[in-house]
PDB file of all heavy atoms in Angstrom:
ATOM      1  N   VAL A   1    -159.516 -41.531 152.680  1.00  0.00           N
ATOM      2  CA  VAL A   1    -160.567 -42.437 152.064  1.00  0.00           C
ATOM      3  C   VAL A   1    -161.605 -41.554 151.293  1.00  0.00           C
ATOM      4  O   VAL A   1    -162.195 -42.053 150.290  1.00  0.00           O
ATOM      5  CB  VAL A   1    -161.240 -43.232 153.223  1.00  0.00           C
ATOM      6  CG1 VAL A   1    -162.486 -43.987 152.677  1.00  0.00           C
ATOM      7  CG2 VAL A   1    -160.207 -44.191 153.789  1.00  0.00           C
ATOM      8  N   ALA A   2    -161.825 -40.302 151.723  1.00  0.00           N
ATOM      9  CA  ALA A   2    -162.931 -39.480 151.152  1.00  0.00           C
ATOM     10  C   ALA A   2    -162.893 -39.404 149.605  1.00  0.00           C
ATOM     11  O   ALA A   2    -163.998 -39.480 149.023  1.00  0.00           O
ATOM     12  CB  ALA A   2    -162.932 -38.087 151.722  1.00  0.00           C
ATOM     13  N   PRO A   3    -161.814 -39.257 148.936  1.00  0.00           N
ATOM     14  CA  PRO A   3    -161.792 -39.068 147.460  1.00  0.00           C
ATOM     15  C   PRO A   3    -162.296 -40.310 146.698  1.00  0.00           C
ATOM     16  O   PRO A   3    -162.593 -40.199 145.544  1.00  0.00           O
ATOM     17  CB  PRO A   3    -160.322 -38.814 147.154  1.00  0.00           C
ATOM     18  CG  PRO A   3    -159.715 -38.198 148.414  1.00  0.00           C
ATOM     19  CD  PRO A   3    -160.398 -38.988 149.502  1.00  0.00           C
ATOM     20  N   ARG A   4    -162.473 -41.460 147.389  1.00  0.00           N
ATOM     21  CA  ARG A   4    -162.864 -42.648 146.714  1.00  0.00           C
ATOM     22  C   ARG A   4    -164.472 -42.674 146.551  1.00  0.00           C
ATOM     23  O   ARG A   4    -164.944 -43.540 145.835  1.00  0.00           O
ATOM     24  CB  ARG A   4    -162.471 -43.914 147.501  1.00  0.00           C
ATOM     25  CG  ARG A   4    -161.058 -43.955 147.881  1.00  0.00           C
ATOM     26  CD  ARG A   4    -160.724 -45.147 148.762  1.00  0.00           C
ATOM     27  NE  ARG A   4    -159.415 -45.072 149.415  1.00  0.00           N
ATOM     28  CZ  ARG A   4    -159.045 -45.891 150.372  1.00  0.00           C
ATOM     29  NH1 ARG A   4    -159.791 -46.983 150.646  1.00  0.00           N
ATOM     30  NH2 ARG A   4    -157.858 -45.744 150.992  1.00  0.00           N
ATOM     31  N   PHE A   5    -165.130 -41.747 147.097  1.00  0.00           N
ATOM     32  CA  PHE A   5    -166.588 -41.770 147.218  1.00  0.00           C
ATOM     33  C   PHE A   5    -167.167 -40.366 146.756  1.00  0.00           C
ATOM     34  O   PHE A   5    -166.568 -39.346 146.987  1.00  0.00           O
ATOM     35  CB  PHE A   5    -167.062 -42.148 148.581  1.00  0.00           C
ATOM     36  CG  PHE A   5    -166.617 -43.479 149.051  1.00  0.00           C
ATOM     37  CD1 PHE A   5    -165.462 -43.613 149.820  1.00  0.00           C
ATOM     38  CD2 PHE A   5    -167.333 -44.635 148.748  1.00  0.00           C
ATOM     39  CE1 PHE A   5    -164.958 -44.815 150.186  1.00  0.00           C
ATOM     40  CE2 PHE A   5    -166.856 -45.891 149.104  1.00  0.00           C
ATOM     41  CZ  PHE A   5    -165.719 -46.032 149.869  1.00  0.00           C
ATOM     42  N   THR A   6    -168.431 -40.429 146.246  1.00  0.00           N
ATOM     43  CA  THR A   6    -169.164 -39.262 145.936  1.00  0.00           C
ATOM     44  C   THR A   6    -170.281 -38.955 146.956  1.00  0.00           C
ATOM     45  O   THR A   6    -170.835 -37.920 146.915  1.00  0.00           O
ATOM     46  CB  THR A   6    -169.781 -39.365 144.538  1.00  0.00           C
ATOM     47  OG1 THR A   6    -170.617 -40.537 144.489  1.00  0.00           O
ATOM     48  CG2 THR A   6    -168.666 -39.457 143.460  1.00  0.00           C
ATOM     49  N   ASP A   7    -170.580 -39.984 147.784  1.00  0.00           N
ATOM     50  CA  ASP A   7    -171.565 -39.719 148.884  1.00  0.00           C
ATOM     51  C   ASP A   7    -171.278 -40.762 149.905  1.00  0.00           C
ATOM     52  O   ASP A   7    -170.426 -41.627 149.826  1.00  0.00           O
ATOM     53  CB  ASP A   7    -172.988 -39.948 148.308  1.00  0.00           C
ATOM     54  CG  ASP A   7    -173.241 -41.362 147.755  1.00  0.00           C
ATOM     55  OD1 ASP A   7    -172.381 -42.148 147.778  1.00  0.00           O
ATOM     56  OD2 ASP A   7    -174.392 -41.603 147.360  1.00  0.00           O
ATOM     57  N   GLY A   8    -171.965 -40.580 151.056  1.00  0.00           N
ATOM     58  CA  GLY A   8    -171.821 -41.460 152.181  1.00  0.00           C
ATOM     59  C   GLY A   8    -171.240 -40.665 153.395  1.00  0.00           C
ATOM     60  O   GLY A   8    -171.043 -39.471 153.345  1.00  0.00           O
ATOM     61  N   LEU A   9    -171.108 -41.331 154.500  1.00  0.00           N
ATOM     62  CA  LEU A   9    -170.595 -40.840 155.722  1.00  0.00           C
ATOM     63  C   LEU A   9    -169.446 -41.584 156.163  1.00  0.00           C
ATOM     64  O   LEU A   9    -169.464 -42.803 156.496  1.00  0.00           O
ATOM     65  CB  LEU A   9    -171.685 -40.875 156.774  1.00  0.00           C
ATOM     66  CG  LEU A   9    -171.357 -40.276 158.154  1.00  0.00           C
ATOM     67  CD1 LEU A   9    -171.460 -38.760 158.051  1.00  0.00           C
ATOM     68  CD2 LEU A   9    -172.272 -40.804 159.230  1.00  0.00           C
ATOM     69  N   ILE A  10    -168.232 -40.966 156.168  1.00  0.00           N
ATOM     70  CA  ILE A  10    -167.011 -41.643 156.625  1.00  0.00           C
ATOM     71  C   ILE A  10    -166.753 -41.498 158.101  1.00  0.00           C
ATOM     72  O   ILE A  10    -166.984 -40.476 158.736  1.00  0.00           O
ATOM     73  CB  ILE A  10    -165.740 -41.006 155.936  1.00  0.00           C
ATOM     74  CG1 ILE A  10    -165.901 -41.314 154.366  1.00  0.00           C
ATOM     75  CG2 ILE A  10    -164.458 -41.553 156.448  1.00  0.00           C
ATOM     76  CD1 ILE A  10    -164.794 -40.781 153.564  1.00  0.00           C
ATOM     77  N   VAL A  11    -166.392 -42.629 158.732  1.00  0.00           N
ATOM     78  CA  VAL A  11    -166.059 -42.616 160.119  1.00  0.00           C
ATOM     79  C   VAL A  11    -164.594 -43.119 160.268  1.00  0.00           C
ATOM     80  O   VAL A  11    -164.281 -44.225 159.765  1.00  0.00           O
ATOM     81  CB  VAL A  11    -167.000 -43.556 161.000  1.00  0.00           C
ATOM     82  CG1 VAL A  11    -166.552 -43.673 162.385  1.00  0.00           C
ATOM     83  CG2 VAL A  11    -168.415 -43.154 160.897  1.00  0.00           C
ATOM     84  N   ALA A  12    -163.776 -42.343 160.817  1.00  0.00           N
ATOM     85  CA  ALA A  12    -162.363 -42.635 161.040  1.00  0.00           C
ATOM     86  C   ALA A  12    -161.967 -42.399 162.454  1.00  0.00           C
ATOM     87  O   ALA A  12    -162.475 -41.485 163.116  1.00  0.00           O
ATOM     88  CB  ALA A  12    -161.476 -41.870 160.063  1.00  0.00           C
ATOM     89  N   CYS A  13    -161.035 -43.203 162.957  1.00  0.00           N
ATOM     90  CA  CYS A  13    -160.664 -43.028 164.342  1.00  0.00           C
ATOM     91  C   CYS A  13    -159.095 -43.342 164.563  1.00  0.00           C
ATOM     92  O   CYS A  13    -158.615 -44.173 163.782  1.00  0.00           O
ATOM     93  CB  CYS A  13    -161.409 -44.025 165.213  1.00  0.00           C
ATOM     94  SG  CYS A  13    -161.390 -43.767 166.997  1.00  0.00           S
ATOM     95  N   ASP A  14    -158.558 -42.793 165.520  1.00  0.00           N
ATOM     96  CA  ASP A  14    -157.180 -43.100 165.909  1.00  0.00           C
ATOM     97  C   ASP A  14    -157.034 -43.108 167.429  1.00  0.00           C
ATOM     98  O   ASP A  14    -157.620 -42.282 168.112  1.00  0.00           O
ATOM     99  CB  ASP A  14    -156.222 -42.133 165.377  1.00  0.00           C
ATOM    100  CG  ASP A  14    -154.773 -42.643 165.438  1.00  0.00           C
ATOM    101  OD1 ASP A  14    -154.341 -43.418 164.579  1.00  0.00           O
ATOM    102  OD2 ASP A  14    -154.031 -42.299 166.405  1.00  0.00           O
ATOM    103  N   THR A  15    -156.290 -44.145 167.950  1.00  0.00           N
ATOM    104  CA  THR A  15    -156.297 -44.230 169.436  1.00  0.00           C
ATOM    105  C   THR A  15    -154.786 -44.416 169.843  1.00  0.00           C
ATOM    106  O   THR A  15    -153.954 -45.138 169.152  1.00  0.00           O
ATOM    107  CB  THR A  15    -157.048 -45.560 169.836  1.00  0.00           C
ATOM    108  OG1 THR A  15    -158.352 -45.446 169.473  1.00  0.00           O
ATOM    109  CG2 THR A  15    -156.929 -45.721 171.339  1.00  0.00           C
ATOM    110  N   VAL A  16    -154.401 -43.742 170.924  1.00  0.00           N
ATOM    111  CA  VAL A  16    -153.096 -43.888 171.490  1.00  0.00           C
ATOM    112  C   VAL A  16    -153.204 -43.920 173.017  1.00  0.00           C
ATOM    113  O   VAL A  16    -154.215 -43.597 173.581  1.00  0.00           O
ATOM    114  CB  VAL A  16    -152.110 -42.699 171.175  1.00  0.00           C
ATOM    115  CG1 VAL A  16    -151.940 -42.579 169.638  1.00  0.00           C
ATOM    116  CG2 VAL A  16    -152.672 -41.353 171.759  1.00  0.00           C
ATOM    117  N   VAL A  17    -152.136 -44.365 173.596  1.00  0.00           N
ATOM    118  CA  VAL A  17    -152.015 -44.369 175.114  1.00  0.00           C
ATOM    119  C   VAL A  17    -151.003 -43.310 175.583  1.00  0.00           C
ATOM    120  O   VAL A  17    -150.013 -43.145 174.849  1.00  0.00           O
ATOM    121  CB  VAL A  17    -151.617 -45.865 175.578  1.00  0.00           C
ATOM    122  CG1 VAL A  17    -151.297 -45.720 177.142  1.00  0.00           C
ATOM    123  CG2 VAL A  17    -152.686 -46.834 175.240  1.00  0.00           C
ATOM    124  N   GLU A  18    -151.268 -42.621 176.660  1.00  0.00           N
ATOM    125  CA  GLU A  18    -150.339 -41.625 177.119  1.00  0.00           C
ATOM    126  C   GLU A  18    -150.065 -41.894 178.586  1.00  0.00           C
ATOM    127  O   GLU A  18    -150.970 -42.069 179.409  1.00  0.00           O
ATOM    128  CB  GLU A  18    -150.967 -40.227 176.871  1.00  0.00           C
ATOM    129  CG  GLU A  18    -150.104 -39.087 177.400  1.00  0.00           C
ATOM    130  CD  GLU A  18    -150.347 -38.689 178.893  1.00  0.00           C
ATOM    131  OE1 GLU A  18    -151.514 -38.843 179.320  1.00  0.00           O
ATOM    132  OE2 GLU A  18    -149.405 -38.290 179.535  1.00  0.00           O
ATOM    133  N   CYS A  19    -148.815 -41.863 178.938  1.00  0.00           N
ATOM    134  CA  CYS A  19    -148.392 -42.130 180.294  1.00  0.00           C
ATOM    135  C   CYS A  19    -147.281 -41.177 180.633  1.00  0.00           C
ATOM    136  O   CYS A  19    -146.184 -41.181 179.990  1.00  0.00           O
ATOM    137  CB  CYS A  19    -147.919 -43.590 180.491  1.00  0.00           C
ATOM    138  SG  CYS A  19    -147.433 -43.962 182.212  1.00  0.00           S
ATOM    139  N   ASP A  20    -147.543 -40.257 181.635  1.00  0.00           N
ATOM    140  CA  ASP A  20    -146.490 -39.274 182.035  1.00  0.00           C
ATOM    141  C   ASP A  20    -146.014 -38.397 180.835  1.00  0.00           C
ATOM    142  O   ASP A  20    -144.818 -38.175 180.747  1.00  0.00           O
ATOM    143  CB  ASP A  20    -145.367 -39.907 182.780  1.00  0.00           C
ATOM    144  CG  ASP A  20    -145.699 -40.228 184.178  1.00  0.00           C
ATOM    145  OD1 ASP A  20    -146.808 -39.831 184.684  1.00  0.00           O
ATOM    146  OD2 ASP A  20    -144.935 -40.899 184.930  1.00  0.00           O
ATOM    147  N   GLY A  21    -146.931 -38.110 179.988  1.00  0.00           N
ATOM    148  CA  GLY A  21    -146.515 -37.264 178.797  1.00  0.00           C
ATOM    149  C   GLY A  21    -145.966 -38.039 177.628  1.00  0.00           C
ATOM    150  O   GLY A  21    -145.697 -37.450 176.558  1.00  0.00           O
ATOM    151  N   GLN A  22    -145.673 -39.345 177.793  1.00  0.00           N
ATOM    152  CA  GLN A  22    -145.080 -40.154 176.662  1.00  0.00           C
ATOM    153  C   GLN A  22    -146.260 -40.816 175.855  1.00  0.00           C
ATOM    154  O   GLN A  22    -147.128 -41.480 176.567  1.00  0.00           O
ATOM    155  CB  GLN A  22    -144.184 -41.162 177.215  1.00  0.00           C
ATOM    156  CG  GLN A  22    -143.438 -41.950 176.084  1.00  0.00           C
ATOM    157  CD  GLN A  22    -142.172 -42.631 176.561  1.00  0.00           C
ATOM    158  OE1 GLN A  22    -141.631 -42.347 177.606  1.00  0.00           O
ATOM    159  NE2 GLN A  22    -141.693 -43.564 175.799  1.00  0.00           N
ATOM    160  N   ILE A  23    -146.213 -40.710 174.592  1.00  0.00           N
ATOM    161  CA  ILE A  23    -147.285 -41.292 173.778  1.00  0.00           C
ATOM    162  C   ILE A  23    -146.874 -42.658 173.295  1.00  0.00           C
ATOM    163  O   ILE A  23    -145.754 -42.836 172.796  1.00  0.00           O
ATOM    164  CB  ILE A  23    -147.602 -40.345 172.540  1.00  0.00           C
ATOM    165  CG1 ILE A  23    -148.100 -38.972 172.981  1.00  0.00           C
ATOM    166  CG2 ILE A  23    -148.560 -40.914 171.565  1.00  0.00           C
ATOM    167  CD1 ILE A  23    -148.167 -37.911 171.883  1.00  0.00           C
ATOM    168  N   LEU A  24    -147.755 -43.546 173.501  1.00  0.00           N
ATOM    169  CA  LEU A  24    -147.551 -44.936 173.118  1.00  0.00           C
ATOM    170  C   LEU A  24    -148.465 -45.388 172.040  1.00  0.00           C
ATOM    171  O   LEU A  24    -149.743 -45.435 172.312  1.00  0.00           O
ATOM    172  CB  LEU A  24    -147.690 -45.906 174.393  1.00  0.00           C
ATOM    173  CG  LEU A  24    -146.865 -45.570 175.574  1.00  0.00           C
ATOM    174  CD1 LEU A  24    -147.104 -46.507 176.659  1.00  0.00           C
ATOM    175  CD2 LEU A  24    -145.373 -45.616 175.200  1.00  0.00           C
ATOM    176  N   GLY A  25    -148.011 -45.694 170.918  1.00  0.00           N
ATOM    177  CA  GLY A  25    -148.871 -46.185 169.790  1.00  0.00           C
ATOM    178  C   GLY A  25    -148.855 -47.679 169.819  1.00  0.00           C
ATOM    179  O   GLY A  25    -148.773 -48.359 170.835  1.00  0.00           O
TER     180      GLY A  25
END
């Protein structure tokens, strides 16, 4: 997203679940 702007503050996030080493998206 950053290249679309010349100023501002970008907030980005990603969330996953993990159970016994297995990643669940």
